[in-house]
Structure formats: C-alpha cells, structure tokens
C-alpha cells in the first residue's frame, strides 16, 4: 500500500502534463499499472480471479 500522502500528491493537477502519475485506484501502486482497467497488475489479477471484471477469464492451454 502506498502512503496516503503520496496518493494525495498524485491526485493533484501536475504543473506540466508530462508529470502525471497514474496510480492504482485500489491500492495506490504506481508500477505495473494498466490504464484500461485503472488498477495495478496485482489488484487486476485478484479481481479477475474473483470474477469482478466482466469478460476476463484465466487462460489455460
């Protein structure tokens, strides 16, 4: 979990548009972020396994 102060700082409007920091909406993590789902890879995996994301299922071959 990211510290609350870091999450709040990331939510503010940046001085320049290239400084936008995208963070996971669930845990606040910035690395491994997936824009399509607005969450990090870890939270995405947990949500997909629980069936909270429609149209996503675990692949197996």
Protein backbone atom coordinates (compact mmCIF):
# COMPACT_ATOMS: atom_id res chain seq x y z
CA UNK A 1 0.00 0.00 0.00
CA UNK A 2 1.21 3.44 -0.90
CA UNK A 3 1.36 6.09 1.78
CA UNK A 4 -1.73 8.30 1.84
CA UNK A 5 0.36 11.46 1.32
CA UNK A 6 1.84 10.08 -1.91
CA UNK A 7 -1.58 9.12 -3.25
CA UNK A 8 -2.96 12.59 -2.47
CA UNK A 9 0.03 14.23 -4.18
CA UNK A 10 -0.54 12.11 -7.30
CA UNK A 11 -4.21 13.17 -7.44
CA UNK A 12 -3.33 16.88 -7.66
CA UNK A 13 -3.15 18.63 -11.02
CA UNK A 14 0.50 18.49 -12.20
CA UNK A 15 2.44 21.60 -13.16
CA UNK A 16 3.20 20.06 -16.54
CA UNK A 17 1.10 17.41 -18.31
CA UNK A 18 4.07 15.04 -18.72
CA UNK A 19 4.33 14.72 -14.92
CA UNK A 20 1.06 12.82 -14.48
CA UNK A 21 1.49 9.82 -12.19
CA UNK A 22 -1.12 7.16 -12.72
CA UNK A 23 -1.80 5.04 -9.67
CA UNK A 24 -3.95 2.03 -8.94
CA UNK A 25 -7.42 3.04 -7.78
CA UNK A 26 -7.48 0.16 -5.28
CA UNK A 27 -4.06 0.15 -3.59
CA UNK A 28 -2.20 3.22 -4.90
CA UNK A 29 0.65 1.31 -6.56
CA UNK A 30 2.31 3.12 -9.49
CA UNK A 31 4.31 0.33 -11.11
CA UNK A 32 2.54 -2.36 -13.12
CA UNK A 33 -0.40 -0.04 -13.80
CA UNK A 34 -2.89 -0.96 -16.54
CA UNK A 35 -4.74 2.04 -17.99
CA UNK A 36 -7.59 0.01 -19.46
CA UNK A 37 -8.66 -1.16 -16.01
CA UNK A 38 -7.29 1.70 -13.83
CA UNK A 39 -5.54 -0.74 -11.50
CA UNK A 40 -2.21 -2.45 -10.98
CA UNK A 41 -1.42 -5.97 -12.12
CA UNK A 42 -1.80 -7.43 -8.64
CA UNK A 43 -5.25 -5.95 -7.99
CA UNK A 44 -6.27 -6.83 -11.55
CA UNK A 45 -5.33 -10.46 -11.00
CA UNK A 46 -7.24 -10.68 -7.73
CA UNK A 47 -10.34 -9.02 -9.21
CA UNK A 48 -10.22 -11.24 -12.31
CA UNK A 49 -9.98 -14.42 -10.22
CA UNK A 50 -12.98 -13.32 -8.15
CA UNK A 51 -14.97 -12.54 -11.31
CA UNK A 52 -15.37 -8.80 -10.70
CA UNK A 53 -14.11 -7.86 -14.19
CA UNK A 54 -16.57 -8.88 -16.91
CA UNK A 55 -15.13 -10.53 -19.99
CA UNK A 56 -11.84 -11.51 -18.37
CA UNK A 57 -11.01 -15.11 -17.55
CA UNK A 58 -7.86 -17.05 -16.77
CA UNK A 59 -6.26 -18.58 -19.80
CA UNK A 60 -5.07 -22.16 -19.81
CA UNK A 61 -3.61 -24.32 -22.53
